[in-house]
Protein backbone atom coordinates (compact mmCIF):
# COMPACT_ATOMS: atom_id res chain seq x y z
CA MET A 1 -12.23 34.22 -8.79
CA PRO A 2 -12.85 34.81 -5.06
CA ALA A 3 -10.83 32.60 -2.74
CA SER A 4 -13.97 31.07 -1.21
CA ALA A 5 -15.33 30.13 -4.63
CA TYR A 6 -11.97 28.65 -5.66
CA ALA A 7 -11.78 26.60 -2.45
CA ALA A 8 -15.33 25.33 -3.00
CA ARG A 9 -14.52 24.31 -6.56
CA MET A 10 -11.32 22.53 -5.56
CA SER A 11 -12.82 20.73 -2.55
CA HIS A 12 -14.29 17.28 -2.78
CA PRO A 13 -17.44 16.16 -0.92
CA THR A 14 -15.53 13.43 0.85
CA ASP A 15 -13.02 15.90 2.26
CA ARG A 16 -15.62 16.38 5.00
CA PRO A 17 -16.69 13.47 7.22
CA PRO A 18 -20.40 12.66 7.41
CA PRO A 19 -22.46 14.31 10.16
CA GLU A 20 -23.25 10.97 11.78
CA ALA A 21 -19.54 10.22 12.27
CA PRO A 22 -17.63 13.51 12.51
CA THR A 23 -14.46 11.86 13.79
CA ARG A 24 -14.30 9.15 11.17
CA PRO A 25 -11.37 9.84 8.81
CA GLY A 26 -11.24 8.34 5.37
CA TRP A 27 -14.99 8.14 5.02
CA VAL A 28 -16.42 6.87 1.76
CA PRO A 29 -20.10 7.34 0.82
CA ARG A 30 -22.26 4.29 1.34
CA ARG A 31 -24.19 4.91 -1.83
CA PRO A 32 -22.49 4.17 -5.16
CA ALA A 33 -21.23 7.29 -6.90
CA PRO A 34 -21.05 7.85 -10.66
CA GLY A 35 -17.71 6.52 -11.85
CA ALA A 36 -17.18 4.17 -8.91
CA ARG A 37 -16.31 0.57 -9.65
CA PRO A 38 -18.87 -2.16 -8.94
CA SER A 39 -18.89 -3.63 -5.45
CA TRP A 40 -17.26 -6.85 -6.63
CA ALA A 41 -14.20 -5.10 -8.11
CA VAL A 42 -12.14 -4.87 -4.90
CA PRO A 43 -12.81 -8.50 -3.82
CA VAL A 44 -11.76 -9.63 -7.30
CA ALA A 45 -8.52 -7.66 -7.03
CA LEU A 46 -7.83 -9.17 -3.60
CA LEU A 47 -8.51 -12.70 -4.84
CA ALA A 48 -6.24 -12.11 -7.84
CA THR A 49 -3.50 -10.89 -5.51
CA ALA A 50 -3.96 -13.93 -3.29
CA ALA A 51 -3.60 -16.20 -6.33
CA VAL A 52 -0.64 -14.41 -7.92
CA TYR A 53 1.50 -14.08 -4.79
CA PRO A 54 2.22 -17.81 -4.34
CA ALA A 55 2.42 -18.31 -8.09
CA ALA A 56 5.01 -15.54 -8.55
CA PHE A 57 6.98 -15.79 -5.29
CA GLN A 58 7.01 -19.37 -4.12
CA LEU A 59 5.98 -21.53 -7.07
CA ARG A 60 7.50 -19.21 -9.69
CA VAL A 61 5.12 -20.40 -12.38
CA VAL A 62 4.44 -16.86 -13.60
CA PRO A 63 7.02 -14.15 -14.37
CA PHE A 64 7.51 -11.94 -11.32
CA TRP A 65 7.56 -8.41 -12.74
CA PRO A 66 4.84 -8.89 -15.38
CA ALA A 67 2.63 -10.35 -12.64
CA MET A 68 3.31 -7.38 -10.35
CA VAL A 69 2.55 -4.90 -13.14
CA ALA A 70 -0.70 -6.71 -13.93
CA LEU A 71 -1.71 -6.61 -10.27
CA ALA A 72 -0.87 -2.91 -10.11
CA ALA A 73 -3.14 -2.16 -13.06
CA LEU A 74 -5.93 -4.27 -11.58
CA SER A 75 -5.56 -2.55 -8.20
CA TRP A 76 -5.90 0.92 -9.70
CA TRP A 77 -8.93 -0.15 -11.71
CA ALA A 78 -10.67 -1.89 -8.80
CA ALA A 79 -10.02 0.85 -6.25
CA TRP A 80 -11.02 3.78 -8.43
CA HIS A 81 -13.71 5.94 -6.84
CA PRO A 82 -14.60 9.62 -7.28
CA TYR A 83 -13.29 10.26 -3.75
CA LEU A 84 -9.80 9.08 -4.72
CA PRO A 85 -8.39 12.34 -6.16
CA ALA A 86 -9.08 14.01 -2.80
CA ARG A 87 -6.82 11.42 -1.14
CA LEU A 88 -4.01 11.94 -3.66
CA ARG A 89 -3.39 15.65 -3.27
CA PRO A 90 0.26 16.02 -2.31
CA THR A 91 1.64 18.62 0.08
CA TRP A 92 5.15 19.11 1.41
CA ARG A 93 4.02 17.99 4.85
CA LEU A 94 2.46 14.77 3.58
CA GLY A 95 5.47 14.04 1.39
CA ALA A 96 7.91 14.68 4.22
CA MET A 97 5.90 12.45 6.55
CA GLY A 98 6.06 9.65 4.01
CA ALA A 99 9.77 10.10 3.34
CA VAL A 100 10.67 10.05 7.04
CA SER A 101 8.57 6.96 7.75
CA GLY A 102 9.98 5.23 4.67
CA LEU A 103 13.53 5.85 5.85
CA GLY A 104 12.61 4.62 9.33
CA LEU A 105 11.04 1.44 7.99
CA TYR A 106 14.07 0.85 5.78
CA ALA A 107 16.39 1.21 8.78
CA LEU A 108 14.21 -1.22 10.73
CA SER A 109 14.26 -3.67 7.81
CA CYS A 110 18.06 -3.46 7.59
CA ALA A 111 18.30 -4.19 11.30
CA GLY A 112 16.01 -7.17 10.79
CA ALA A 113 18.11 -8.43 7.89
CA VAL A 114 21.24 -8.27 10.04
CA ALA A 115 19.42 -10.07 12.86
CA VAL A 116 18.32 -13.00 10.67
CA ARG A 117 21.63 -13.27 8.78
CA GLU A 118 22.53 -16.56 10.50
CA THR A 119 19.01 -18.02 10.62
CA PRO A 120 16.90 -20.00 8.11
CA LEU A 121 14.96 -16.81 7.36
CA TRP A 122 17.96 -15.40 5.50
CA SER A 123 17.51 -17.71 2.51
CA GLY A 124 14.03 -16.30 2.05
CA VAL A 125 15.38 -12.74 2.07
CA GLN A 126 17.88 -13.69 -0.62
CA ASP A 127 15.21 -15.44 -2.70
CA VAL A 128 13.00 -12.35 -2.70
CA THR A 129 15.98 -10.16 -3.61
CA ASP A 130 16.82 -12.46 -6.51
CA LEU A 131 13.24 -12.33 -7.77
CA ALA A 132 13.22 -8.55 -7.74
CA GLY A 133 16.50 -8.52 -9.64
CA GLY A 134 15.07 -10.15 -12.74
CA VAL A 135 15.12 -6.91 -14.75
CA PRO A 136 17.62 -4.03 -15.08
CA LEU A 137 17.88 -2.06 -11.86
CA ALA A 138 16.59 1.17 -13.42
CA VAL A 139 13.50 -0.63 -14.75
CA ALA A 140 12.85 -2.34 -11.42
CA ALA A 141 13.20 0.98 -9.58
CA LEU A 142 10.74 2.65 -11.97
CA LEU A 143 8.23 -0.17 -11.56
CA VAL A 144 8.45 0.08 -7.77
CA VAL A 145 8.12 3.86 -7.57
CA VAL A 146 5.36 4.41 -10.13
CA GLY A 147 3.80 0.95 -10.24
CA THR A 148 3.66 -1.54 -7.40
CA ALA A 149 4.07 0.79 -4.38
CA PRO A 150 1.32 3.31 -5.24
CA ALA A 151 -0.96 0.55 -6.54
CA GLU A 152 -0.76 -1.40 -3.28
CA GLU A 153 -1.52 1.75 -1.32
CA VAL A 154 -4.54 2.70 -3.41
CA LEU A 155 -5.96 -0.81 -3.01
CA TRP A 156 -5.11 -1.59 0.62
CA ARG A 157 -4.95 1.78 2.36
CA GLY A 158 -7.41 3.25 -0.10
CA ALA A 159 -10.33 0.96 -0.93
CA VAL A 160 -9.84 -1.74 1.72
CA PHE A 161 -9.14 0.70 4.55
CA ALA A 162 -12.11 2.85 3.59
CA ARG A 163 -14.42 -0.16 3.70
CA ALA A 164 -12.99 -1.29 7.02
CA THR A 165 -13.44 2.22 8.47
CA ARG A 166 -17.00 2.40 7.20
CA ARG A 167 -17.88 -0.86 8.93
CA LEU A 168 -15.71 -0.74 12.05
CA GLY A 169 -15.64 2.96 12.81
CA PRO A 170 -12.66 5.05 13.93
CA GLY A 171 -9.81 3.89 16.13
CA TRP A 172 -7.55 0.86 16.03
CA ARG A 173 -10.01 -1.66 14.57
CA PRO A 174 -9.84 -0.66 10.88
CA VAL A 175 -6.05 -0.37 11.16
CA ALA A 176 -5.80 -3.87 12.64
CA ALA A 177 -8.28 -5.36 10.17
CA THR A 178 -6.60 -3.86 7.11
CA THR A 179 -3.13 -4.80 8.30
CA GLY A 180 -4.18 -8.33 9.23
CA LEU A 181 -5.74 -8.96 5.83
CA TYR A 182 -2.74 -7.42 4.09
CA GLY A 183 -0.42 -9.68 6.06
CA ALA A 184 -2.54 -12.76 5.34
CA VAL A 185 -2.33 -12.18 1.60
CA VAL A 186 1.40 -11.44 1.67
CA ALA A 187 1.90 -14.61 3.75
CA LEU A 188 0.75 -16.59 0.71
CA SER A 189 4.10 -15.72 -0.84
CA GLY A 190 5.60 -18.32 1.47
CA TYR A 191 8.24 -16.00 2.94
CA PRO A 192 8.00 -15.23 6.69
CA ALA A 193 10.23 -12.19 6.28
CA LEU A 194 7.75 -10.66 3.85
CA LEU A 195 4.90 -11.38 6.25
CA LEU A 196 6.72 -9.63 9.09
CA ALA A 197 7.46 -6.65 6.84
CA ALA A 198 3.83 -6.50 5.72
CA LEU A 199 2.55 -6.44 9.30
CA VAL A 200 4.95 -3.73 10.49
CA CYS A 201 4.84 -1.56 7.38
CA GLY A 202 1.14 -2.13 6.80
CA ALA A 203 0.31 -0.92 10.30
CA VAL A 204 2.38 2.24 9.80
CA TRP A 205 0.85 3.01 6.40
CA ALA A 206 -2.69 2.34 7.60
CA ARG A 207 -2.19 4.60 10.61
CA GLN A 208 -0.79 7.35 8.40
CA ARG A 209 -3.84 7.00 6.18
CA GLN A 210 -6.11 7.22 9.18
CA VAL A 211 -4.41 10.22 10.78
CA THR A 212 -4.03 12.30 7.62
CA GLY A 213 -6.99 11.07 5.56
CA SER A 214 -4.54 10.96 2.64
CA LEU A 215 -2.84 8.22 0.64
CA VAL A 216 0.18 10.40 -0.11
CA PRO A 217 2.27 9.57 3.00
CA GLY A 218 1.79 5.84 2.52
CA MET A 219 2.63 6.02 -1.18
CA VAL A 220 5.81 7.98 -0.55
CA SER A 221 6.81 5.81 2.40
CA HIS A 222 6.12 2.57 0.51
CA ALA A 223 8.08 3.75 -2.52
CA VAL A 224 11.07 4.95 -0.46
CA TRP A 225 11.16 1.76 1.62
CA ALA A 226 10.87 -0.61 -1.36
CA LEU A 227 13.31 1.35 -3.52
CA LEU A 228 16.01 1.41 -0.85
CA LEU A 229 15.62 -2.32 -0.20
CA LEU A 230 15.88 -2.90 -3.94
CA LEU A 231 19.14 -0.98 -3.98
CA TYR A 232 20.73 -2.43 -0.85
CA VAL A 233 20.04 -5.13 1.73
CA PRO A 234 22.79 -5.59 4.35
CA GLY A 235 24.70 -8.82 3.84
CA ASN A 236 23.22 -9.57 0.43
CA GLN A 237 25.68 -9.86 -2.43
């Protein structure tokens, strides 16, 4: 098969931005595509997340890991769109970008943990660590790497960011809008440390999504960051 024909077959229509907005990365067609979820699917997933976060984190009236797995499945279902495979094509460059940013965010989180060690925020850090330790470490690590981290990225930096970009255009506005909404939902957990992490990490992952047009860096970064925090938080026994 000629190289040009192979490239045409492997390309996806949404790899190219629309002519009316040639600098708009992460574009998603305005018209529904065959196989796309209904327009209410993403709002339902966001509302479910907003309900489960306080129930699982603060109130603890639902089991933590089963709730996170259920949210992950709902996120993948709600965010599915024919454009999505084009945003999930890994390359060494995208993977390396994600790994480096994940390590950087982990180092920043460790510094933050050390800084709040003698403040009231520390009890919240310990509470979240205890929640995440409710299953064997190997199981928790698997759930983070293949479950919660990629699912959050496909919902927030996938579907939500694409909608924000479509409405707000390129630049800082869709990054700020996506990150602000992400932080608002995470804040419902009741833990200020999680809110701070969501704002910092969410901004980095949204910007990576915007610059590369891919979800791969955010997925790798999110998984590396969460996995390392699961394994070790400075000062936590």
